[in-house]
């Protein structure tokens, strides 16, 4: 099966909203390849290191919130 990595990246970026803390940090418990791609796209800080969380950039925060609403918000 071919995987659309851009769609996976969007889903992971949206899910980072679930563990958002300290305003702009999120737990980095996702696939390393995805996290590296998000870093390369300028949406998160470098995920490599001892810290268990990653910094979302200003653009990353905005896009994460937008995607979370797109994928998971109820539209009653």
N, C-alpha and C. Protein backbone atom coordinates (compact mmCIF):
# COMPACT_ATOMS: atom_id res chain seq x y z
N UNK A 1 0.84 -1.17 0.00
CA UNK A 1 0.00 0.00 0.00
C UNK A 1 0.89 1.24 0.00
N UNK A 2 0.56 2.19 -0.85
CA UNK A 2 1.25 3.47 -0.85
C UNK A 2 0.60 4.37 0.19
N UNK A 3 1.42 5.06 0.93
CA UNK A 3 0.94 5.96 1.98
C UNK A 3 1.18 7.40 1.55
N UNK A 4 0.17 8.23 1.70
CA UNK A 4 0.30 9.66 1.43
C UNK A 4 0.91 10.30 2.67
N UNK A 5 2.21 10.53 2.64
CA UNK A 5 2.91 11.05 3.81
C UNK A 5 2.41 12.43 4.22
N UNK A 6 1.98 13.24 3.26
CA UNK A 6 1.45 14.56 3.61
C UNK A 6 0.19 14.44 4.46
N UNK A 7 -0.67 13.48 4.14
CA UNK A 7 -1.88 13.28 4.94
C UNK A 7 -1.53 12.77 6.33
N UNK A 8 -0.55 11.88 6.41
CA UNK A 8 -0.10 11.38 7.72
C UNK A 8 0.45 12.53 8.54
N UNK A 9 1.27 13.38 7.91
CA UNK A 9 1.84 14.54 8.59
C UNK A 9 0.75 15.46 9.12
N UNK A 10 -0.28 15.69 8.31
CA UNK A 10 -1.39 16.54 8.74
C UNK A 10 -2.10 15.93 9.95
N UNK A 11 -2.34 14.64 9.90
CA UNK A 11 -3.04 13.98 11.02
C UNK A 11 -2.22 14.06 12.30
N UNK A 12 -0.93 13.81 12.21
CA UNK A 12 -0.08 13.88 13.40
C UNK A 12 -0.01 15.30 13.92
N UNK A 13 0.14 16.27 13.03
CA UNK A 13 0.17 17.67 13.48
C UNK A 13 -1.13 18.03 14.19
N UNK A 14 -2.26 17.56 13.67
CA UNK A 14 -3.54 17.80 14.33
C UNK A 14 -3.58 17.14 15.70
N UNK A 15 -3.10 15.92 15.80
CA UNK A 15 -3.13 15.20 17.07
C UNK A 15 -2.19 15.77 18.12
N UNK A 16 -1.19 16.52 17.70
CA UNK A 16 -0.32 17.18 18.67
C UNK A 16 -1.11 18.14 19.56
N UNK A 17 -2.28 18.58 19.10
CA UNK A 17 -3.16 19.44 19.91
C UNK A 17 -3.60 18.73 21.19
N UNK A 18 -3.72 17.42 21.14
CA UNK A 18 -4.23 16.67 22.30
C UNK A 18 -3.30 16.73 23.51
N UNK A 19 -2.01 16.88 23.27
CA UNK A 19 -1.07 16.91 24.39
C UNK A 19 -0.36 18.25 24.50
N UNK A 20 -0.97 19.28 23.95
CA UNK A 20 -0.40 20.62 24.00
C UNK A 20 -0.34 21.11 25.45
N UNK A 21 0.81 21.62 25.84
CA UNK A 21 0.99 22.17 27.19
C UNK A 21 2.00 23.32 27.14
N UNK A 22 2.04 24.11 28.17
CA UNK A 22 2.94 25.27 28.24
C UNK A 22 2.80 26.18 27.02
N UNK A 23 1.61 26.19 26.44
CA UNK A 23 1.33 27.10 25.33
C UNK A 23 1.76 26.65 23.96
N UNK A 24 2.92 25.99 23.88
CA UNK A 24 3.43 25.65 22.54
C UNK A 24 4.24 24.36 22.51
N UNK A 25 4.11 23.53 23.52
CA UNK A 25 4.85 22.26 23.55
C UNK A 25 3.86 21.11 23.52
N UNK A 26 4.31 20.00 22.91
CA UNK A 26 3.46 18.82 22.83
C UNK A 26 4.35 17.59 22.98
N UNK A 27 3.80 16.54 23.54
CA UNK A 27 4.56 15.31 23.70
C UNK A 27 4.88 14.75 22.32
N UNK A 28 6.08 14.26 22.15
CA UNK A 28 6.55 13.79 20.85
C UNK A 28 6.52 12.27 20.76
N UNK A 29 5.36 11.70 20.95
CA UNK A 29 5.23 10.25 20.98
C UNK A 29 4.75 9.67 19.65
N UNK A 30 5.11 10.31 18.56
CA UNK A 30 4.72 9.84 17.24
C UNK A 30 5.93 9.32 16.49
N UNK A 31 5.68 8.71 15.37
CA UNK A 31 6.71 8.15 14.51
C UNK A 31 7.80 9.19 14.23
N UNK A 32 9.06 8.76 14.34
CA UNK A 32 10.19 9.68 14.17
C UNK A 32 10.26 10.25 12.76
N UNK A 33 9.94 9.46 11.76
CA UNK A 33 9.97 9.96 10.38
C UNK A 33 8.99 11.10 10.20
N UNK A 34 7.79 10.94 10.77
CA UNK A 34 6.78 12.00 10.68
C UNK A 34 7.27 13.25 11.40
N UNK A 35 7.79 13.06 12.60
CA UNK A 35 8.27 14.21 13.38
C UNK A 35 9.39 14.94 12.64
N UNK A 36 10.28 14.19 12.01
CA UNK A 36 11.36 14.81 11.24
C UNK A 36 10.81 15.60 10.05
N UNK A 37 9.79 15.06 9.37
CA UNK A 37 9.20 15.79 8.25
C UNK A 37 8.53 17.07 8.73
N UNK A 38 7.83 17.01 9.87
CA UNK A 38 7.20 18.22 10.41
C UNK A 38 8.26 19.27 10.75
N UNK A 39 9.39 18.81 11.26
CA UNK A 39 10.50 19.72 11.56
C UNK A 39 11.03 20.33 10.27
N UNK A 40 11.22 19.51 9.24
CA UNK A 40 11.72 20.01 7.95
C UNK A 40 10.76 21.02 7.33
N UNK A 41 9.47 20.88 7.60
CA UNK A 41 8.46 21.81 7.08
C UNK A 41 8.36 23.08 7.93
N UNK A 42 9.13 23.15 9.03
CA UNK A 42 9.14 24.33 9.88
C UNK A 42 7.95 24.43 10.82
N UNK A 43 7.28 23.30 11.08
CA UNK A 43 6.09 23.31 11.93
C UNK A 43 6.39 22.98 13.39
N UNK A 44 7.51 22.30 13.63
CA UNK A 44 7.93 21.98 14.99
C UNK A 44 9.44 22.20 15.09
N UNK A 45 9.89 22.33 16.34
CA UNK A 45 11.33 22.42 16.56
C UNK A 45 11.96 21.06 16.34
N UNK A 46 13.26 21.01 16.46
CA UNK A 46 13.99 19.76 16.25
C UNK A 46 13.53 18.71 17.27
N UNK A 47 13.00 17.57 16.80
CA UNK A 47 12.49 16.56 17.72
C UNK A 47 13.59 15.69 18.34
N UNK A 48 14.80 15.80 17.83
CA UNK A 48 15.90 14.98 18.33
C UNK A 48 16.42 15.58 19.63
N UNK A 49 16.52 14.75 20.64
CA UNK A 49 17.04 15.20 21.93
C UNK A 49 16.38 14.44 23.06
N UNK A 50 16.81 14.74 24.27
CA UNK A 50 16.33 14.04 25.45
C UNK A 50 14.95 14.47 25.91
N UNK A 51 14.53 15.65 25.53
CA UNK A 51 13.23 16.15 25.95
C UNK A 51 12.11 15.25 25.43
N UNK A 52 11.08 15.07 26.23
CA UNK A 52 9.94 14.24 25.83
C UNK A 52 8.88 15.03 25.10
N UNK A 53 9.11 16.33 24.97
CA UNK A 53 8.15 17.16 24.25
C UNK A 53 8.88 17.95 23.17
N UNK A 54 8.09 18.49 22.26
CA UNK A 54 8.63 19.24 21.15
C UNK A 54 7.93 20.60 21.08
N UNK A 55 8.65 21.59 20.65
CA UNK A 55 8.13 22.94 20.51
C UNK A 55 7.45 23.09 19.16
N UNK A 56 6.21 23.57 19.16
CA UNK A 56 5.54 23.89 17.91
C UNK A 56 5.88 25.34 17.56
N UNK A 57 6.19 25.57 16.29
CA UNK A 57 6.46 26.93 15.85
C UNK A 57 5.14 27.69 15.81
N UNK A 58 5.21 28.99 15.60
CA UNK A 58 3.99 29.79 15.50
C UNK A 58 3.11 29.26 14.36
N UNK A 59 3.72 28.99 13.22
CA UNK A 59 2.97 28.43 12.09
C UNK A 59 2.44 27.04 12.42
N UNK A 60 3.25 26.26 13.13
CA UNK A 60 2.84 24.92 13.51
C UNK A 60 1.64 24.93 14.44
N UNK A 61 1.63 25.86 15.40
CA UNK A 61 0.48 25.98 16.31
C UNK A 61 -0.80 26.31 15.56
N UNK A 62 -0.71 27.27 14.66
CA UNK A 62 -1.89 27.67 13.89
C UNK A 62 -2.39 26.53 13.02
N UNK A 63 -1.46 25.87 12.34
CA UNK A 63 -1.85 24.79 11.44
C UNK A 63 -2.37 23.58 12.22
N UNK A 64 -1.78 23.30 13.35
CA UNK A 64 -2.23 22.20 14.19
C UNK A 64 -3.67 22.42 14.64
N UNK A 65 -3.97 23.63 15.09
CA UNK A 65 -5.33 23.95 15.52
C UNK A 65 -6.32 23.86 14.36
N UNK A 66 -5.92 24.39 13.20
CA UNK A 66 -6.79 24.35 12.02
C UNK A 66 -7.09 22.91 11.61
N UNK A 67 -6.06 22.08 11.59
CA UNK A 67 -6.24 20.69 11.18
C UNK A 67 -7.04 19.91 12.21
N UNK A 68 -6.82 20.20 13.50
CA UNK A 68 -7.59 19.51 14.54
C UNK A 68 -9.08 19.79 14.35
N UNK A 69 -9.42 21.05 14.11
CA UNK A 69 -10.82 21.41 13.88
C UNK A 69 -11.35 20.74 12.62
N UNK A 70 -10.55 20.73 11.57
CA UNK A 70 -10.95 20.11 10.30
C UNK A 70 -11.27 18.63 10.47
N UNK A 71 -10.40 17.90 11.17
CA UNK A 71 -10.54 16.46 11.28
C UNK A 71 -11.46 16.00 12.42
N UNK A 72 -11.53 16.77 13.51
CA UNK A 72 -12.16 16.23 14.70
C UNK A 72 -13.29 17.05 15.30
N UNK A 73 -13.55 18.25 14.80
CA UNK A 73 -14.63 19.07 15.36
C UNK A 73 -15.99 18.54 14.93
N UNK A 74 -16.93 18.55 15.88
CA UNK A 74 -18.30 18.16 15.55
C UNK A 74 -19.00 19.36 14.92
N UNK A 75 -19.77 19.06 13.90
CA UNK A 75 -20.52 20.11 13.21
C UNK A 75 -22.00 19.81 13.37
N UNK A 76 -22.57 20.29 14.48
CA UNK A 76 -23.97 20.02 14.78
C UNK A 76 -24.89 20.96 14.03
